[in-house]
C-alpha atoms as a PDB file:
ATOM      1  CA  MET A   1     101.219 131.736 106.618  1.00  0.00           C
ATOM      2  CA  SER A   2     102.825 128.659 105.073  1.00  0.00           C
ATOM      3  CA  LEU A   3     101.149 126.727 102.287  1.00  0.00           C
ATOM      4  CA  PHE A   4     100.670 123.769 104.644  1.00  0.00           C
ATOM      5  CA  GLU A   5      98.901 126.009 107.185  1.00  0.00           C
ATOM      6  CA  LEU A   6      96.689 127.396 104.422  1.00  0.00           C
ATOM      7  CA  LEU A   7      95.686 124.031 102.952  1.00  0.00           C
ATOM      8  CA  GLU A   8      95.394 121.889 106.093  1.00  0.00           C
ATOM      9  CA  PRO A   9      92.113 123.308 107.488  1.00  0.00           C
ATOM     10  CA  THR A  10      90.525 123.352 104.045  1.00  0.00           C
ATOM     11  CA  ILE A  11      91.409 119.720 103.370  1.00  0.00           C
ATOM     12  CA  ALA A  12      90.299 118.714 106.878  1.00  0.00           C
ATOM     13  CA  GLY A  13      86.973 120.443 106.209  1.00  0.00           C
ATOM     14  CA  LEU A  14      86.511 118.158 103.206  1.00  0.00           C
ATOM     15  CA  GLY A  15      87.024 115.097 105.428  1.00  0.00           C
ATOM     16  CA  TYR A  16      90.632 114.338 104.488  1.00  0.00           C
ATOM     17  CA  GLU A  17      94.024 114.640 106.134  1.00  0.00           C
ATOM     18  CA  LEU A  18      96.846 116.657 104.580  1.00  0.00           C
ATOM     19  CA  VAL A  19      99.896 114.374 104.720  1.00  0.00           C
ATOM     20  CA  ASP A  20     102.504 116.308 102.765  1.00  0.00           C
ATOM     21  CA  ILE A  21     103.121 118.970 100.144  1.00  0.00           C
ATOM     22  CA  GLU A  22     105.891 118.962  97.549  1.00  0.00           C
ATOM     23  CA  GLN A  23     106.770 121.948  95.417  1.00  0.00           C
ATOM     24  CA  SER A  24     109.162 121.791  92.514  1.00  0.00           C
ATOM     25  CA  THR A  25     110.821 124.887  91.180  1.00  0.00           C
ATOM     26  CA  PRO A  26     108.771 127.808  92.509  1.00  0.00           C
ATOM     27  CA  GLY A  27     105.510 128.128  90.658  1.00  0.00           C
ATOM     28  CA  ARG A  28     105.782 124.950  88.602  1.00  0.00           C
ATOM     29  CA  LEU A  29     104.436 121.734  90.128  1.00  0.00           C
ATOM     30  CA  LEU A  30     102.467 121.534  93.359  1.00  0.00           C
ATOM     31  CA  ARG A  31     101.879 118.006  94.726  1.00  0.00           C
ATOM     32  CA  VAL A  32      99.449 117.513  97.587  1.00  0.00           C
ATOM     33  CA  PHE A  33      99.232 114.160  99.363  1.00  0.00           C
ATOM     34  CA  VAL A  34      95.972 113.431 101.196  1.00  0.00           C
ATOM     35  CA  ASP A  35      94.692 110.512 103.226  1.00  0.00           C
ATOM     36  CA  LYS A  36      91.547 109.561 105.111  1.00  0.00           C
ATOM     37  CA  LYS A  37      90.906 107.413 108.157  1.00  0.00           C
ATOM     38  CA  ASP A  38      90.145 104.212 106.246  1.00  0.00           C
ATOM     39  CA  GLY A  39      93.173 104.879 104.023  1.00  0.00           C
ATOM     40  CA  ALA A  40      91.341 104.174 100.769  1.00  0.00           C
ATOM     41  CA  ILE A  41      91.859 107.309  98.672  1.00  0.00           C
ATOM     42  CA  THR A  42      90.063 106.982  95.334  1.00  0.00           C
ATOM     43  CA  LEU A  43      90.360 108.891  92.091  1.00  0.00           C
ATOM     44  CA  ASP A  44      87.081 110.636  92.938  1.00  0.00           C
ATOM     45  CA  ASP A  45      88.596 111.797  96.251  1.00  0.00           C
ATOM     46  CA  CYS A  46      91.600 113.254  94.413  1.00  0.00           C
ATOM     47  CA  VAL A  47      89.356 115.029  91.901  1.00  0.00           C
ATOM     48  CA  ALA A  48      87.187 116.533  94.663  1.00  0.00           C
ATOM     49  CA  VAL A  49      90.213 117.819  96.593  1.00  0.00           C
ATOM     50  CA  SER A  50      91.877 119.093  93.413  1.00  0.00           C
ATOM     51  CA  ASN A  51      88.785 121.040  92.334  1.00  0.00           C
ATOM     52  CA  HIS A  52      88.427 122.631  95.754  1.00  0.00           C
ATOM     53  CA  LEU A  53      92.134 123.477  96.051  1.00  0.00           C
ATOM     54  CA  SER A  54      92.228 124.997  92.556  1.00  0.00           C
ATOM     55  CA  GLN A  55      89.614 127.513  93.657  1.00  0.00           C
ATOM     56  CA  LEU A  56      91.322 128.212  96.985  1.00  0.00           C
ATOM     57  CA  LEU A  57      94.741 128.694  95.365  1.00  0.00           C
ATOM     58  CA  ALA A  58      93.242 131.097  92.826  1.00  0.00           C
ATOM     59  CA  VAL A  59      91.561 133.160  95.569  1.00  0.00           C
ATOM     60  CA  GLU A  60      94.783 133.204  97.624  1.00  0.00           C
ATOM     61  CA  ASN A  61      96.795 134.146  94.516  1.00  0.00           C
ATOM     62  CA  ILE A  62      99.190 131.175  94.871  1.00  0.00           C
ATOM     63  CA  ASP A  63     101.218 130.817  91.679  1.00  0.00           C
ATOM     64  CA  TYR A  64     101.632 127.308  90.234  1.00  0.00           C
ATOM     65  CA  ASN A  65     101.398 125.690  86.805  1.00  0.00           C
ATOM     66  CA  ARG A  66     100.154 122.209  87.692  1.00  0.00           C
ATOM     67  CA  LEU A  67      98.409 120.751  90.724  1.00  0.00           C
ATOM     68  CA  GLU A  68      98.580 117.039  91.523  1.00  0.00           C
ATOM     69  CA  VAL A  69      96.558 115.486  94.339  1.00  0.00           C
ATOM     70  CA  SER A  70      97.229 111.886  95.318  1.00  0.00           C
ATOM     71  CA  SER A  71      97.338 109.301  98.058  1.00  0.00           C
ATOM     72  CA  PRO A  72     100.544 109.173 100.121  1.00  0.00           C
ATOM     73  CA  GLY A  73     101.090 105.574  99.013  1.00  0.00           C
ATOM     74  CA  LEU A  74     101.761 102.399 100.972  1.00  0.00           C
ATOM     75  CA  ASP A  75     105.027 103.782 102.356  1.00  0.00           C
ATOM     76  CA  ARG A  76     103.264 106.828 103.746  1.00  0.00           C
ATOM     77  CA  PRO A  77     105.487 109.500 105.291  1.00  0.00           C
ATOM     78  CA  LEU A  78     104.989 110.149 108.991  1.00  0.00           C
ATOM     79  CA  LYS A  79     105.333 113.851 109.758  1.00  0.00           C
ATOM     80  CA  LYS A  80     103.210 114.822 112.751  1.00  0.00           C
ATOM     81  CA  ARG A  81     103.027 113.313 116.223  1.00  0.00           C
ATOM     82  CA  ALA A  82      99.445 112.259 115.409  1.00  0.00           C
ATOM     83  CA  ASP A  83     100.786 110.203 112.472  1.00  0.00           C
ATOM     84  CA  PHE A  84     103.010 108.216 114.812  1.00  0.00           C
ATOM     85  CA  VAL A  85     100.186 107.704 117.321  1.00  0.00           C
ATOM     86  CA  ARG A  86      97.914 106.421 114.536  1.00  0.00           C
ATOM     87  CA  PHE A  87     100.469 103.841 113.392  1.00  0.00           C
ATOM     88  CA  VAL A  88     101.658 102.389 116.713  1.00  0.00           C
ATOM     89  CA  GLY A  89     102.308  98.675 116.161  1.00  0.00           C
ATOM     90  CA  GLU A  90     103.396  99.133 112.549  1.00  0.00           C
ATOM     91  CA  SER A  91     106.881  98.739 111.069  1.00  0.00           C
ATOM     92  CA  ILE A  92     108.537 102.029 110.181  1.00  0.00           C
ATOM     93  CA  ARG A  93     111.835 103.284 108.783  1.00  0.00           C
ATOM     94  CA  ILE A  94     113.382 106.433 110.245  1.00  0.00           C
ATOM     95  CA  ARG A  95     116.366 108.617 109.446  1.00  0.00           C
ATOM     96  CA  LEU A  96     117.831 110.810 112.172  1.00  0.00           C
ATOM     97  CA  ARG A  97     119.316 114.285 111.827  1.00  0.00           C
ATOM     98  CA  ILE A  98     121.959 113.487 114.452  1.00  0.00           C
ATOM     99  CA  ALA A  99     123.253 109.910 114.697  1.00  0.00           C
ATOM    100  CA  LEU A 100     122.470 107.700 117.679  1.00  0.00           C
ATOM    101  CA  GLN A 101     125.200 105.211 118.550  1.00  0.00           C
ATOM    102  CA  GLY A 102     126.907 106.076 115.233  1.00  0.00           C
ATOM    103  CA  GLN A 103     123.799 105.241 113.201  1.00  0.00           C
ATOM    104  CA  ARG A 104     121.255 107.457 111.442  1.00  0.00           C
ATOM    105  CA  ASN A 105     118.911 104.879 109.847  1.00  0.00           C
ATOM    106  CA  PHE A 106     116.710 102.521 111.844  1.00  0.00           C
ATOM    107  CA  VAL A 107     113.933 100.064 111.024  1.00  0.00           C
ATOM    108  CA  GLY A 108     111.650  98.674 113.687  1.00  0.00           C
ATOM    109  CA  ILE A 109     108.175  98.352 115.110  1.00  0.00           C
ATOM    110  CA  LEU A 110     106.737 101.544 116.541  1.00  0.00           C
ATOM    111  CA  THR A 111     105.784 100.595 120.092  1.00  0.00           C
ATOM    112  CA  GLU A 112     105.145 103.886 121.886  1.00  0.00           C
ATOM    113  CA  VAL A 113     104.747 107.603 121.233  1.00  0.00           C
ATOM    114  CA  GLY A 114     105.208 110.236 123.934  1.00  0.00           C
ATOM    115  CA  ASP A 115     104.932 114.014 123.797  1.00  0.00           C
ATOM    116  CA  ASP A 116     108.412 114.486 122.367  1.00  0.00           C
ATOM    117  CA  ALA A 117     109.790 110.996 121.673  1.00  0.00           C
ATOM    118  CA  LEU A 118     108.934 107.620 120.204  1.00  0.00           C
ATOM    119  CA  VAL A 119     110.087 104.099 120.988  1.00  0.00           C
ATOM    120  CA  LEU A 120     111.023 101.560 118.316  1.00  0.00           C
ATOM    121  CA  ASN A 121     111.567  97.855 118.810  1.00  0.00           C
ATOM    122  CA  VAL A 122     114.694  97.302 116.708  1.00  0.00           C
ATOM    123  CA  ASP A 123     115.709  93.641 116.620  1.00  0.00           C
ATOM    124  CA  GLY A 124     114.327  93.062 120.112  1.00  0.00           C
ATOM    125  CA  LYS A 125     115.880  96.205 121.624  1.00  0.00           C
ATOM    126  CA  LEU A 126     113.694  99.155 122.624  1.00  0.00           C
ATOM    127  CA  LEU A 127     115.284 102.390 121.403  1.00  0.00           C
ATOM    128  CA  GLN A 128     113.961 105.879 122.129  1.00  0.00           C
ATOM    129  CA  PHE A 129     114.185 108.690 119.566  1.00  0.00           C
ATOM    130  CA  GLU A 130     113.352 112.357 120.013  1.00  0.00           C
ATOM    131  CA  LEU A 131     110.753 113.526 117.494  1.00  0.00           C
ATOM    132  CA  LYS A 132     112.746 116.705 116.829  1.00  0.00           C
ATOM    133  CA  ASN A 133     115.727 114.541 115.768  1.00  0.00           C
ATOM    134  CA  LEU A 134     113.751 112.774 113.018  1.00  0.00           C
ATOM    135  CA  GLU A 135     114.737 113.833 109.526  1.00  0.00           C
ATOM    136  CA  LYS A 136     112.440 111.377 107.781  1.00  0.00           C
ATOM    137  CA  ALA A 137     110.008 108.624 108.777  1.00  0.00           C
ATOM    138  CA  ARG A 138     107.942 106.261 106.607  1.00  0.00           C
ATOM    139  CA  LEU A 139     105.695 103.259 107.049  1.00  0.00           C
ATOM    140  CA  ILE A 140     106.981  99.960 105.752  1.00  0.00           C
ATOM    141  CA  PRO A 141     104.172  98.467 103.663  1.00  0.00           C
ATOM    142  CA  ARG A 142     102.690  95.112 104.630  1.00  0.00           C
ATOM    143  CA  LEU A 143     102.588  93.031 101.479  1.00  0.00           C
END
Protein backbone atom coordinates (compact mmCIF):
# COMPACT_ATOMS: atom_id res chain seq x y z
CA MET A 1 0.00 0.00 0.00
CA SER A 2 1.39 3.41 -0.96
CA LEU A 3 1.61 6.23 1.54
CA PHE A 4 -1.05 8.15 -0.40
CA GLU A 5 -3.43 5.17 -0.19
CA LEU A 6 -2.76 4.90 3.54
CA LEU A 7 -3.31 8.58 4.34
CA GLU A 8 -6.16 9.45 1.96
CA PRO A 9 -9.03 7.67 3.79
CA THR A 10 -7.81 8.89 7.16
CA ILE A 11 -7.64 12.51 6.02
CA ALA A 12 -11.03 12.20 4.29
CA GLY A 13 -12.46 10.87 7.56
CA LEU A 14 -11.33 14.09 9.24
CA GLY A 15 -13.24 16.14 6.64
CA TYR A 16 -10.29 17.14 4.46
CA GLU A 17 -8.96 16.22 1.04
CA LEU A 18 -5.44 14.86 0.54
CA VAL A 19 -3.99 16.89 -2.34
CA ASP A 20 -0.37 15.76 -2.45
CA ILE A 21 2.49 14.21 -0.51
CA GLU A 22 6.16 15.12 -0.82
CA GLN A 23 8.95 13.09 0.70
CA SER A 24 12.53 14.25 0.81
CA THR A 25 15.36 11.83 1.28
CA PRO A 26 13.77 8.65 2.66
CA GLY A 27 12.83 9.06 6.28
CA ARG A 28 13.61 12.76 6.58
CA LEU A 29 10.84 15.23 5.73
CA LEU A 30 7.24 14.28 5.01
CA ARG A 31 5.03 17.08 3.63
CA VAL A 32 1.29 16.55 3.40
CA PHE A 33 -0.90 19.04 1.54
CA VAL A 34 -4.58 19.10 2.51
CA ASP A 35 -7.57 21.11 1.36
CA LYS A 36 -11.26 21.36 2.15
CA LYS A 37 -14.30 22.27 0.09
CA ASP A 38 -14.34 25.95 1.04
CA GLY A 39 -10.57 26.09 0.47
CA ALA A 40 -9.83 27.95 3.70
CA ILE A 41 -7.27 25.77 5.50
CA THR A 42 -6.36 27.31 8.86
CA LEU A 43 -3.49 26.69 11.24
CA ASP A 44 -5.90 24.80 13.50
CA ASP A 45 -6.79 22.50 10.57
CA CYS A 46 -3.10 21.77 9.98
CA VAL A 47 -2.52 21.05 13.67
CA ALA A 48 -5.52 18.68 13.84
CA VAL A 49 -4.39 16.74 10.76
CA SER A 50 -0.77 16.68 11.94
CA ASN A 51 -1.71 15.30 15.37
CA HIS A 52 -3.86 12.58 13.83
CA LEU A 53 -1.27 11.64 11.20
CA SER A 54 1.53 11.48 13.78
CA GLN A 55 -0.40 8.77 15.60
CA LEU A 56 -1.28 6.90 12.41
CA LEU A 57 2.31 6.98 11.12
CA ALA A 58 3.58 5.68 14.46
CA VAL A 59 1.08 2.79 14.44
CA GLU A 60 1.95 1.96 10.81
CA ASN A 61 5.68 2.18 11.61
CA ILE A 62 6.36 4.79 8.89
CA ASP A 63 9.83 6.25 9.40
CA TYR A 64 10.21 10.03 9.13
CA ASN A 65 11.95 12.78 11.09
CA ARG A 66 9.62 15.73 10.50
CA LEU A 67 6.00 16.01 9.42
CA GLU A 68 4.65 19.19 7.82
CA VAL A 69 0.96 19.65 7.05
CA SER A 70 -0.13 22.64 5.00
CA SER A 71 -2.55 24.06 2.48
CA PRO A 72 -1.74 23.40 -1.19
CA GLY A 73 -1.52 27.14 -1.80
CA LEU A 74 -3.16 29.39 -4.37
CA ASP A 75 -1.48 27.56 -7.25
CA ARG A 76 -2.88 24.24 -6.09
CA PRO A 77 -1.70 21.16 -7.99
CA LEU A 78 -4.38 19.23 -9.85
CA LYS A 79 -3.73 15.49 -9.63
CA LYS A 80 -6.98 13.54 -9.79
CA ARG A 81 -9.82 13.69 -12.29
CA ALA A 82 -12.03 15.02 -9.46
CA ASP A 83 -9.63 17.98 -9.07
CA PHE A 84 -10.16 18.96 -12.69
CA VAL A 85 -13.94 18.57 -12.41
CA ARG A 86 -13.97 20.80 -9.32
CA PHE A 87 -12.07 23.58 -11.09
CA VAL A 88 -13.84 23.72 -14.46
CA GLY A 89 -13.94 27.38 -15.54
CA GLU A 90 -10.64 28.24 -13.87
CA SER A 91 -7.32 29.09 -15.52
CA ILE A 92 -4.75 26.32 -15.28
CA ARG A 93 -1.20 25.61 -16.42
CA ILE A 94 -0.32 22.13 -17.66
CA ARG A 95 2.84 20.34 -18.72
CA LEU A 96 2.58 17.29 -20.96
CA ARG A 97 4.71 14.15 -20.90
CA ILE A 98 4.58 13.91 -24.70
CA ALA A 99 4.42 17.14 -26.72
CA LEU A 100 1.32 18.14 -28.65
CA GLN A 101 2.01 20.11 -31.82
CA GLY A 102 5.64 20.48 -30.68
CA GLN A 103 4.64 22.03 -27.36
CA ARG A 104 4.61 20.63 -23.82
CA ASN A 105 3.41 23.64 -21.77
CA PHE A 106 -0.06 25.15 -22.09
CA VAL A 107 -2.05 27.78 -20.21
CA GLY A 108 -5.78 28.14 -20.65
CA ILE A 109 -9.24 27.98 -19.16
CA LEU A 110 -10.40 24.50 -18.22
CA THR A 111 -13.69 24.12 -20.07
CA GLU A 112 -14.52 20.41 -19.91
CA VAL A 113 -13.43 17.19 -18.24
CA GLY A 114 -14.27 13.75 -19.63
CA ASP A 115 -13.42 10.28 -18.36
CA ASP A 116 -9.92 10.31 -19.81
CA ALA A 117 -9.37 13.80 -21.26
CA LEU A 118 -9.82 17.49 -20.58
CA VAL A 119 -10.43 20.47 -22.83
CA LEU A 120 -8.61 23.79 -22.44
CA ASN A 121 -9.49 27.06 -24.11
CA VAL A 122 -6.04 28.29 -25.14
CA ASP A 123 -6.19 31.72 -26.77
CA GLY A 124 -9.65 31.02 -28.18
CA LYS A 125 -8.80 27.53 -29.45
CA LEU A 126 -10.26 24.44 -27.76
CA LEU A 127 -7.52 21.85 -27.27
CA GLN A 128 -8.06 18.35 -25.88
CA PHE A 129 -5.47 16.65 -23.66
CA GLU A 130 -5.43 13.08 -22.40
CA LEU A 131 -5.25 12.93 -18.60
CA LYS A 132 -2.62 10.18 -18.78
CA ASN A 133 -0.37 12.54 -20.80
CA LEU A 134 -0.34 15.21 -18.06
CA GLU A 135 2.96 15.46 -16.24
CA LYS A 136 1.93 18.42 -14.10
CA ALA A 137 -1.13 20.66 -13.72
CA ARG A 138 -1.69 23.67 -11.45
CA LEU A 139 -4.31 26.34 -10.90
CA ILE A 140 -3.36 29.87 -11.84
CA PRO A 141 -4.28 32.05 -8.86
CA ARG A 142 -6.81 34.85 -9.30
CA LEU A 143 -5.28 37.93 -7.73
